Protein backbone atom coordinates (compact mmCIF):
# COMPACT_ATOMS: atom_id res chain seq x y z
CA MET A 1 0.04 0.03 -0.02
CA ARG A 2 3.13 2.43 0.52
CA THR A 3 6.14 3.34 -1.49
CA HIS A 4 9.31 2.84 0.85
CA THR A 5 11.81 3.91 -1.75
CA GLY A 6 14.69 4.47 1.12
CA LYS A 7 14.37 0.95 2.22
CA ALA A 8 14.50 -0.44 -1.24
CA VAL A 9 17.68 1.65 -1.74
CA GLN A 10 19.19 0.24 1.19
CA LYS A 11 18.35 -3.41 0.42
CA ALA A 12 19.87 -2.93 -3.15
CA LEU A 13 22.94 -1.40 -1.74
CA GLN A 14 23.56 -4.36 0.75
CA HIS A 15 23.19 -6.67 -2.03
CA SER A 16 25.48 -4.86 -4.22
CA ALA A 17 28.25 -5.03 -1.41
CA LEU A 18 27.63 -8.92 -1.43
CA LEU A 19 27.92 -9.40 -5.22
CA ASN A 20 31.29 -7.14 -5.00
CA LYS A 21 32.59 -9.69 -2.54
CA ARG A 22 32.35 -12.73 -4.70
CA ALA A 23 35.33 -14.32 -6.17
CA ASP A 24 34.27 -13.52 -9.58
CA ALA A 25 33.55 -9.86 -9.10
CA LEU A 26 36.92 -8.75 -10.41
CA GLY A 27 36.38 -7.04 -13.71
CA ARG A 28 32.36 -7.20 -13.40
CA THR A 29 30.13 -4.12 -12.95
CA VAL A 30 27.33 -3.84 -10.46
CA SER A 31 24.28 -1.96 -11.83
CA ILE A 32 21.32 -1.08 -9.73
CA VAL A 33 18.21 0.16 -11.51
CA PHE A 34 15.33 1.45 -9.49
CA MET A 35 11.64 1.72 -11.14
CA THR A 36 9.66 3.90 -9.18
CA ASP A 37 6.58 6.28 -9.45
CA GLY A 38 9.05 9.04 -8.32
CA LEU A 39 6.99 9.77 -5.10
CA GLU A 40 7.98 7.94 -1.65
CA ASP A 41 5.08 7.26 0.76
CA VAL A 42 5.90 5.86 4.03
CA ARG A 43 2.82 6.61 6.05
CA GLY A 44 2.31 4.12 8.83
CA ILE A 45 5.59 2.50 8.27
CA PRO A 46 7.40 2.39 11.65
CA ASN A 47 11.21 3.79 11.59
CA PRO A 48 11.08 4.35 7.87
CA VAL A 49 14.55 4.45 6.11
CA LEU A 50 15.27 7.77 4.63
CA ILE A 51 16.83 7.85 1.05
CA PRO A 52 19.58 10.27 2.15
CA SER A 53 20.62 8.10 4.90
CA ASN A 54 21.96 5.44 2.66
CA THR A 55 24.79 7.71 1.57
CA GLN A 56 27.13 5.72 4.17
CA PHE A 57 26.62 2.59 2.11
CA LEU A 58 27.81 4.40 -1.08
CA ARG A 59 31.04 5.38 0.77
CA GLU A 60 31.72 1.92 1.88
CA GLN A 61 31.43 0.54 -1.50
CA GLN A 62 33.96 2.85 -2.92
CA CYS A 63 32.18 4.29 -6.09
CA LYS A 64 31.54 0.60 -7.40
CA PRO A 65 27.79 0.37 -8.22
CA TYR A 66 26.03 2.16 -11.09
CA ILE A 67 22.52 3.47 -9.69
CA PHE A 68 19.69 4.41 -12.12
CA PHE A 69 16.56 5.80 -10.88
CA VAL A 70 13.77 5.13 -13.72
CA SER A 71 10.75 7.77 -12.85
CA LEU A 72 7.49 6.23 -14.19
CA GLY A 73 5.03 8.35 -12.34
CA LEU A 74 3.05 10.93 -14.20
CA LYS A 75 3.81 13.61 -11.74
CA GLU A 76 7.21 15.05 -11.38
CA HIS A 77 9.50 12.82 -9.04
CA GLU A 78 10.85 14.01 -5.81
CA LYS A 79 13.97 16.22 -5.78
CA GLN A 80 15.70 13.91 -3.37
CA LEU A 81 16.22 11.32 -6.07
CA ASN A 82 18.22 13.82 -8.25
CA ASP A 83 20.21 14.60 -4.94
CA PHE A 84 20.93 10.97 -4.25
CA ALA A 85 22.20 10.25 -7.97
CA SER A 86 24.35 13.19 -7.99
CA ASN A 87 25.84 12.38 -4.47
CA PRO A 88 29.77 12.69 -4.84
CA ALA A 89 30.01 9.32 -3.12
CA LEU A 90 28.79 7.67 -6.60
CA CYS A 91 31.66 9.33 -8.45
CA GLY A 92 29.24 10.35 -11.28
CA LYS A 93 27.68 6.83 -11.61
CA GLY A 94 24.25 7.98 -10.56
CA GLN A 95 21.67 9.03 -12.99
CA VAL A 96 17.72 9.76 -13.06
CA LEU A 97 15.56 8.77 -16.22
CA ARG A 98 12.24 10.09 -16.85
CA ASP A 99 9.59 8.04 -18.39
CA PRO A 100 6.02 8.96 -17.51
CA GLY A 101 3.47 6.04 -17.61
CA GLY A 102 6.69 3.60 -18.65
CA VAL A 103 5.88 3.90 -22.39
CA GLN A 104 9.74 3.82 -23.50
CA LEU A 105 11.32 1.32 -21.20
CA ASN A 106 12.84 -0.32 -24.01
CA LYS A 107 14.47 2.86 -25.27
CA LEU A 108 15.50 3.46 -21.58
CA ALA A 109 17.15 0.07 -21.45
CA GLN A 110 19.20 1.10 -24.56
CA ASN A 111 20.25 4.13 -23.00
CA ILE A 112 21.50 2.28 -19.94
CA ARG A 113 23.38 -0.47 -21.50
CA PRO A 114 26.04 2.18 -23.28
CA VAL A 115 26.65 3.75 -19.95
CA LEU A 116 27.66 0.38 -18.42
CA ILE A 117 29.91 -0.66 -21.14
CA THR A 118 31.73 2.64 -22.07
CA PRO A 119 35.16 2.75 -20.58
CA LYS A 120 35.46 5.29 -18.05
CA LEU A 121 38.28 6.70 -15.80
CA ASP A 122 37.64 9.13 -12.79
CA VAL A 123 40.56 10.86 -11.10
CA ASN A 124 41.05 13.69 -8.59
CA LEU A 125 43.91 15.02 -6.66
CA PRO A 126 43.06 16.71 -3.18
CA THR A 127 44.66 20.08 -3.07
CA VAL A 128 45.45 19.39 0.60
CA ASN A 129 48.76 17.50 -0.81
CA LEU A 130 49.97 20.49 -2.56
CA GLN A 131 52.25 22.26 -0.08
CA PRO A 132 54.94 24.80 -1.10
CA VAL A 133 58.21 23.21 -1.82
CA LEU A 134 61.81 24.40 -1.66
CA PRO A 135 64.08 24.47 -4.65
CA GLY A 136 66.53 21.53 -5.06
CA THR A 137 64.16 18.91 -3.18
CA THR A 138 61.69 16.12 -3.95
CA THR A 139 58.02 16.73 -2.97
CA GLU A 140 56.29 14.19 -0.77
CA PRO A 141 54.16 11.84 -2.63
CA LEU A 142 50.93 13.50 -4.42
CA ASN A 143 48.37 10.91 -4.08
CA ILE A 144 45.93 10.67 -7.23
CA ASN A 145 42.67 9.14 -6.28
CA SER A 146 41.60 7.18 -9.36
CA ILE A 147 38.66 4.51 -10.30
CA SER A 148 38.03 3.09 -13.82
CA ASN A 149 34.94 0.88 -14.73
CA VAL A 150 37.24 -1.27 -16.70
CA ASN A 151 40.48 -2.88 -16.27
CA ALA A 152 43.05 -0.37 -17.48
CA LYS A 153 46.85 0.55 -17.80
CA VAL A 154 47.58 4.27 -17.01
CA SER A 155 50.77 6.14 -17.71
CA LEU A 156 51.73 9.59 -16.40
CA GLN A 157 53.39 12.51 -18.19
CA LEU A 158 54.05 16.06 -16.83
CA GLU A 159 53.50 19.15 -18.85
CA ASP A 160 55.35 22.28 -17.97
CA PRO A 161 54.53 25.36 -20.01
CA GLN A 162 56.79 27.56 -17.99
CA GLN A 163 59.78 25.09 -18.86
CA SER A 164 60.65 25.53 -15.19
CA GLY A 165 62.65 22.40 -15.24
CA ILE A 166 60.42 20.47 -12.77
CA ARG A 167 60.56 16.59 -13.34
CA LEU A 168 58.06 14.02 -12.53
CA ILE A 169 59.01 10.85 -10.69
CA PRO A 170 56.22 8.57 -11.49
CA PRO A 171 55.89 4.86 -10.32
CA ASP A 172 58.66 2.89 -12.18
CA ARG A 173 56.10 0.87 -14.00
CA THR A 174 52.73 1.37 -15.85
CA ILE A 175 49.85 1.56 -13.19
CA ASN A 176 47.33 -1.29 -13.63
CA LEU A 177 43.78 -0.46 -12.64
CA VAL A 178 41.29 -3.01 -11.76
CA ALA A 179 37.75 -2.12 -12.68
CA ASN A 180 35.70 -0.41 -10.08
CA GLN A 181 38.42 -0.30 -7.42
CA ALA A 182 39.62 2.82 -6.00
CA THR A 183 43.47 3.20 -6.60
CA VAL A 184 45.92 5.83 -5.30
CA ILE A 185 48.55 6.66 -7.64
CA PRO A 186 51.48 8.22 -5.96
CA VAL A 187 53.77 10.60 -7.65
CA ARG A 188 56.46 12.90 -6.83
CA LEU A 189 58.07 15.94 -8.30
CA GLN A 190 61.77 16.91 -8.58
CA ILE A 191 62.27 20.44 -8.02
CA PRO A 192 65.87 21.75 -9.70
CA ALA A 193 67.97 23.84 -7.27
CA GLU A 194 67.72 26.85 -9.77
CA ALA A 195 63.80 26.78 -10.07
CA LYS A 196 62.18 30.14 -10.11
CA GLY A 197 60.12 30.73 -6.96
CA GLY A 198 56.39 31.49 -7.25
CA ALA A 199 53.40 29.82 -8.47
CA SER A 200 53.88 27.04 -11.46
CA SER A 201 51.08 26.10 -13.62
CA LEU A 202 51.75 22.18 -14.26
CA ARG A 203 49.74 19.44 -15.57
CA LEU A 204 49.49 15.77 -15.22
CA VAL A 205 48.44 13.99 -18.20
CA LEU A 206 47.10 10.27 -17.49
CA THR A 207 46.97 8.15 -20.71
CA ILE A 208 45.13 4.87 -20.74
CA ALA A 209 46.42 2.26 -23.04
CA ASP A 210 44.08 -0.05 -25.01
CA GLN A 211 41.03 1.66 -24.15
CA ALA A 212 38.59 4.17 -25.68
CA ILE A 213 39.37 6.77 -23.01
CA ALA A 214 40.87 10.01 -23.92
CA PRO A 215 43.67 11.30 -21.79
CA ILE A 216 42.92 12.97 -18.79
CA THR A 217 44.63 16.02 -17.50
CA ILE A 218 44.87 17.29 -13.85
CA ASP A 219 45.90 20.80 -13.11
CA LEU A 220 48.76 21.04 -10.64
CA PRO A 221 49.34 24.37 -9.21
CA LEU A 222 52.49 24.17 -7.25
CA THR A 223 54.29 26.94 -5.01
CA ILE A 224 57.93 26.82 -5.11
CA GLN A 225 59.31 28.66 -2.06
CA SER A 226 61.51 31.77 -2.59
CA LYS A 227 65.21 31.92 -2.00
CA LEU A 228 66.92 35.09 -1.03
CA GLN A 229 70.41 35.21 0.16
CA ILE A 230 72.79 38.05 0.67
CA GLN A 231 76.47 38.18 1.12
CA PRO A 232 78.68 39.34 2.69
CA THR A 233 76.97 39.28 6.08
CA ARG A 234 79.36 42.24 7.24
CA LEU A 235 80.20 45.34 5.01
CA ASP A 236 83.09 47.56 6.21
CA PHE A 237 82.95 50.91 4.61
CA GLY A 238 86.13 52.11 6.16
CA SER A 239 86.56 55.96 7.20
CA THR A 240 84.67 58.88 5.71
CA GLU A 241 84.76 62.33 6.54
CA VAL A 242 81.39 64.05 7.08
CA GLY A 243 79.81 65.64 3.72
CA LYS A 244 81.62 63.01 1.85
CA THR A 245 80.63 59.66 0.04
CA THR A 246 82.32 56.31 0.99
CA GLU A 247 83.96 54.02 -1.18
CA THR A 248 81.86 51.41 -3.21
CA GLN A 249 81.22 48.09 -1.69
CA THR A 250 79.43 45.28 -3.47
CA LEU A 251 76.53 43.04 -2.07
CA VAL A 252 75.79 39.61 -3.91
CA VAL A 253 72.16 38.71 -3.94
CA ARG A 254 71.32 35.10 -4.96
CA THR A 255 67.57 34.41 -5.47
CA ASN A 256 65.15 32.30 -7.48
CA ILE A 257 62.57 35.18 -7.87
CA SER A 258 62.54 38.14 -10.19
CA GLY A 259 61.20 41.57 -9.63
CA THR A 260 62.54 44.54 -7.74
CA ALA A 261 63.67 45.24 -4.28
CA SER A 262 64.68 48.29 -2.22
CA LEU A 263 67.57 49.05 0.09
CA GLN A 264 67.11 50.62 3.51
CA LEU A 265 68.99 51.58 6.46
CA GLN A 266 68.02 50.51 9.81
CA GLY A 267 69.41 51.16 13.32
CA ASN A 268 72.13 53.78 14.27
CA SER A 269 72.10 55.51 10.78
CA LYS A 270 71.60 59.12 11.84
CA ASP A 271 73.33 61.22 9.37
CA VAL A 272 73.94 58.62 6.97
CA SER A 273 72.06 57.87 3.86
CA ILE A 274 72.23 55.56 0.86
CA ALA A 275 73.66 57.33 -2.08
CA GLU A 276 73.85 54.10 -4.46
CA PRO A 277 71.62 52.37 -5.41
CA SER A 278 69.45 55.57 -6.01
CA ALA A 279 66.60 53.60 -7.51
CA ALA A 280 64.66 50.24 -7.08
CA ILE A 281 67.07 47.29 -7.51
CA SER A 282 66.22 44.74 -10.31
CA LEU A 283 66.31 41.06 -9.41
CA GLN A 284 66.41 38.22 -11.58
CA PRO A 285 66.86 34.33 -10.71
CA GLY A 286 70.65 33.70 -10.26
CA GLU A 287 73.31 36.20 -8.98
CA THR A 288 72.71 39.81 -8.70
CA LYS A 289 75.67 42.15 -7.89
CA ILE A 290 74.61 45.57 -6.11
CA PRO A 291 77.03 48.34 -5.55
CA VAL A 292 76.60 50.28 -2.43
CA GLN A 293 77.80 53.72 -1.55
CA LEU A 294 76.79 55.66 1.77
CA GLN A 295 76.66 59.54 2.08
CA VAL A 296 77.37 61.17 5.38
CA THR A 297 75.72 64.31 5.99
CA ASP A 298 77.49 67.59 7.25
CA SER A 299 75.86 67.89 10.61
CA ASN A 300 76.88 68.82 14.10
CA PHE A 301 79.64 66.50 15.38
CA ALA A 302 80.43 68.46 18.57
CA GLY A 303 79.41 65.86 20.84
CA ASP A 304 81.77 63.18 19.32
CA VAL A 305 85.08 64.68 19.49
CA TYR A 306 87.00 62.02 20.94
CA ASP A 307 89.74 61.28 18.48
CA GLY A 308 87.56 63.18 16.04
CA LEU A 309 86.05 59.80 15.06
CA ARG A 310 82.71 58.10 15.35
CA GLN A 311 82.11 54.47 14.74
CA ARG A 312 78.85 53.53 13.38
CA THR A 313 77.13 49.93 13.13
CA PHE A 314 73.78 49.62 11.43
CA THR A 315 71.95 47.36 9.37
CA LEU A 316 71.47 47.22 5.40
CA VAL A 317 67.80 45.72 4.75
CA LEU A 318 67.05 44.30 1.14
CA THR A 319 63.14 44.30 0.95
CA PRO A 320 61.69 42.49 -2.30
CA ASP A 321 58.48 43.46 -3.83
CA ASN A 322 57.44 40.02 -4.18
CA SER A 323 55.46 39.06 -1.02
CA ILE A 324 56.51 35.40 -1.02
CA ALA A 325 60.14 36.44 -0.21
CA SER A 326 61.19 37.70 3.17
CA PRO A 327 63.56 40.48 3.82
CA VAL A 328 67.31 39.96 4.11
CA SER A 329 69.97 41.99 5.76
CA THR A 330 73.72 42.36 6.32
CA GLU A 331 75.61 44.36 9.14
CA ALA A 332 77.42 47.53 8.08
CA HIS A 333 80.37 49.23 9.80
CA LEU A 334 81.45 52.94 9.17
CA HIS A 335 83.94 55.21 10.80
CA ILE A 336 82.94 58.92 10.46
CA LEU A 337 85.77 61.37 10.63
CA MET A 338 85.77 64.89 11.26
CA PRO A 339 87.55 67.25 9.11
CA LEU A 340 90.89 68.39 10.31
CA GLY A 341 89.68 72.30 10.26
CA ARG A 342 86.70 71.65 12.40
CA LYS A 343 88.78 69.42 14.71
CA ILE A 344 91.06 72.23 15.45
CA VAL A 345 88.36 74.71 15.95
CA ILE A 346 86.54 72.62 18.47
CA TRP A 347 89.58 72.05 20.24
CA LEU A 348 90.43 75.73 20.43
CA LEU A 349 86.98 76.34 21.70
CA LEU A 350 87.50 73.67 24.41
CA GLY A 351 90.79 75.32 25.15
CA LEU A 352 89.05 78.59 25.65
CA LEU A 353 86.65 77.20 27.81
CA ILE A 354 89.27 75.51 30.00
CA LEU A 355 91.17 79.10 30.26
CA LEU A 356 87.86 80.85 31.08
CA ILE A 357 86.95 78.28 33.93
CA THR A 358 90.70 78.76 34.99
CA LEU A 359 90.46 82.45 34.94
CA ILE A 360 87.15 82.33 37.02
CA VAL A 361 88.79 80.16 39.61
CA VAL A 362 91.80 82.21 39.89
CA CYS A 363 89.80 85.51 40.16
CA LEU A 364 87.56 83.72 42.98
CA ILE A 365 90.79 82.80 44.80
CA GLN A 366 92.78 86.00 44.37
CA ARG A 367 89.50 88.04 44.76
CA LYS A 368 90.28 90.19 41.98
CA THR A 369 88.54 91.09 38.78
CA PRO A 370 89.83 89.93 35.54
CA LEU A 371 91.11 93.28 34.73
CA GLU A 372 93.05 93.33 38.16
CA LEU A 373 94.55 90.03 37.19
CA ALA A 374 95.47 91.13 33.96
CA GLU A 375 97.16 94.24 35.37
CA ASP A 376 98.91 92.14 37.98
CA PHE A 377 100.25 89.96 34.91
CA ARG A 378 101.36 92.90 33.10
CA THR A 379 103.24 94.20 36.07
CA ARG A 380 104.41 91.04 37.52
CA LYS A 381 108.20 91.57 36.41
CA ARG A 382 108.11 95.09 37.28
CA LEU A 383 110.10 96.66 40.15
CA GLU A 384 107.99 97.97 42.95
CA GLY A 385 108.67 100.24 46.05
CA ALA A 386 111.16 103.28 46.38
CA LEU A 387 114.77 104.11 47.06
CA VAL A 388 115.48 107.08 49.54
CA VAL A 389 118.91 108.65 49.23
CA LEU A 390 120.19 109.28 52.81
CA GLU A 391 123.68 110.06 52.18
CA PRO A 392 125.00 112.39 50.53
CA LEU A 393 121.89 114.64 50.47
CA PRO A 394 120.91 115.49 46.88
CA GLN A 395 120.83 119.19 46.08
CA SER A 396 117.18 118.93 45.14
CA SER A 397 114.60 117.40 47.44
CA GLN A 398 112.84 115.96 44.63
CA ASP A 399 115.86 113.76 44.03
CA GLU A 400 115.68 112.47 47.65
CA GLU A 401 113.29 109.54 46.69
CA ILE A 402 113.31 107.60 43.58
CA SER A 403 110.14 105.62 42.68
CA LEU A 404 111.05 102.10 41.34
CA THR A 405 107.36 101.40 40.39
CA HIS A 406 107.34 104.36 38.07
CA LEU A 407 110.24 103.05 36.18
CA GLN A 408 108.19 100.22 35.02
CA LYS A 409 111.26 98.02 34.44
CA GLY A 410 112.22 94.41 35.80
CA ARG A 411 115.83 95.33 36.12
CA VAL A 412 117.92 98.58 36.85
CA CYS A 413 121.42 99.44 37.87
CA LEU A 414 121.90 101.79 40.81
CA SER A 415 124.48 103.87 38.94
CA ASP A 416 121.71 104.66 36.35
CA LEU A 417 119.46 105.99 39.01
CA ILE A 418 122.11 107.76 41.45
CA PRO A 419 125.06 109.80 40.03
CA ALA A 420 126.84 109.54 43.32
CA ILE A 421 127.12 105.80 42.87
CA ALA A 422 128.38 106.13 39.23
CA ALA A 423 131.37 108.10 40.57
CA THR A 424 132.38 105.21 42.59
CA ASN A 425 133.97 101.94 41.74
CA SER A 426 131.14 99.88 43.06
CA ASP A 427 127.64 99.20 41.60
CA ALA A 428 124.68 96.83 42.28
CA GLU A 429 121.35 96.21 40.24
CA LEU A 430 117.78 95.62 41.43
CA VAL A 431 116.25 92.78 39.73
CA THR A 432 112.50 91.20 40.21
CA VAL A 433 112.42 87.79 41.09
CA TRP A 434 109.46 85.08 41.79
CA ARG A 435 109.85 82.64 44.42
CA ALA A 436 107.11 79.97 45.60
CA GLY A 437 104.48 82.21 43.71
CA LYS A 438 105.56 85.39 45.60
CA LYS A 439 107.07 88.49 43.96
CA ASN A 440 110.68 89.50 45.58
CA ILE A 441 113.21 92.12 44.68
CA ASP A 442 116.87 91.18 44.77
CA LEU A 443 119.96 93.44 45.24
CA ARG A 444 122.79 91.93 43.27
CA CYS A 445 126.48 93.15 43.47
CA LEU A 446 127.93 94.09 40.14
CA LYS A 447 131.33 95.17 41.21
CA GLY A 448 132.97 96.63 44.41
CA VAL A 449 131.59 96.09 47.78
CA ILE A 450 127.99 96.28 48.73
CA PHE A 451 126.32 96.36 52.29
CA VAL A 452 122.78 95.69 53.18
CA ASN A 453 121.87 96.39 56.98
CA THR A 454 125.74 96.55 57.37
CA LYS A 455 126.25 93.04 56.09
CA LYS A 456 128.45 92.58 53.01
CA ILE A 457 126.41 90.69 50.33
CA ASN A 458 126.75 89.44 46.90
CA THR A 459 122.96 88.94 46.31
CA ASP A 460 120.34 89.76 48.94
CA GLU A 461 116.61 89.98 48.96
CA LEU A 462 115.34 93.27 49.95
CA TYR A 463 112.65 94.27 52.35
CA ASP A 464 110.77 97.36 53.60
CA GLU A 465 113.46 99.84 55.51
CA ASP A 466 116.55 97.95 54.36
CA ILE A 467 119.65 100.16 54.48
CA ILE A 468 122.03 100.02 51.44
CA GLU A 469 125.63 101.09 51.55
CA ILE A 470 127.83 101.55 48.50
CA ASP A 471 130.93 103.48 49.42
CA ASN A 472 129.94 106.74 50.94
CA VAL A 473 126.31 106.38 49.35
CA LYS A 474 123.55 105.32 51.89
CA LEU A 475 120.29 104.21 50.60
CA GLN A 476 116.92 103.06 52.10
CA PHE A 477 114.72 100.50 50.32
CA ASN A 478 111.04 101.08 50.99
CA TRP A 479 108.46 98.66 49.91
CA ILE A 480 105.22 98.71 52.27
CA GLU A 481 103.90 95.60 53.57
CA HIS A 482 107.02 93.61 52.73
CA GLN A 483 108.67 93.48 56.16
CA ARG A 484 111.74 91.33 56.91
CA PRO A 485 110.87 88.23 58.66
CA SER A 486 112.70 87.36 61.71
CA GLU A 487 116.31 86.54 61.47
CA SER A 488 115.73 82.74 61.88
CA SER A 489 113.48 82.66 58.87
CA SER A 490 115.28 85.41 57.13
CA GLY A 491 115.50 84.73 53.36
CA GLN A 492 118.84 86.42 53.23
CA THR A 493 121.23 84.76 50.98
CA ASN A 494 124.97 85.52 50.74
CA PHE A 495 127.21 84.12 47.96
């Protein structure tokens, strides 16, 4: 009273599995033909079997049976018949035939028979197997899933439109396919060391011998990983003055990609720029030589005056425009020299700064202004004090006292100052002498006999109110605040 199509499909698939286990099943084809009114009616049937629930039986039989739904109803058959017949687990071996009222069954039979006997080969290659590969390597096996409805012998060829040099490593023999039995064909690819990086459009061609099956092609999109190497790993640009360009150094780039790349500086590259290359670098598979020059800008180097030299270490980074390649880098070293003229100016400025600091310190210690210190320096070797003629008294009172300070001299003979001494056979000179940072005035005997404070001397240090005697001439030396110390500590020196 009902139409339990799902149960019928289940029973047929179970029987198909039994047939395919028979000893004589090799080379035979199981075909299932359902004749139905196209409408399933399971009213009142406990636990009905749904048509889609039979998909698992299809998977278990590995694409072996052919299934034909012959729709005989006058009304349009259910959509689920079409869905089941086109299920991927059938590997294209499902079909729905329409014959309302069953008036063309003989013709339908003639349409079914050629399908069963026409040789057919189905293949597919899961893209999950296609991983990027390195140049100079052999890929992991690429598994081609195949099934034929007849026994067949298959050979493989590789088409390489780009002539990349990639070589196919197929099985060492022709592959024998057993009818209706899924077979995995493993193949590998040998990638040459000089293979160009990027996507390669390859094609596998499966040719079937002794069967009326046209060659089958499988597109094989393969990505070859990029190779980008740079040598040397360290570049030394030597020494270069500011405002000038370095000597040319050469970078050698080895790669399997083509395109352009840019060269940048990273790290401690202040005041340094790339003079060459000035434009984008063209890369080709193989070896590319890149001449590199650096420009040192003329900037303030006052903070780096140690030996007039700055040592820089930074990184040269080569970045390709091709996204499949990663940037590579090399370490660069450069000594930046300061021009000799600028170096001299800086040292002079530092010297002046030190002199200024010294002057300030001296002013603070001496408690004098710079002008006062300058005056002291200017007069440091000049005589100071005065001589008073005691005997014989000069005819003019103005000649009684002679100012040594006004002479502005560091040395003077007494005979040049006092005519009475010039008439004798004796003479002495006054000389400015610095001892232990202190200014002194010495009296040195030039000829004859000289007495200071009644003591005969050759050379003696004079103090305030000392009495000098030369023959009949008596003088008093006056130098305020320069009193003679006690006798025990006297600086008098006789030679």
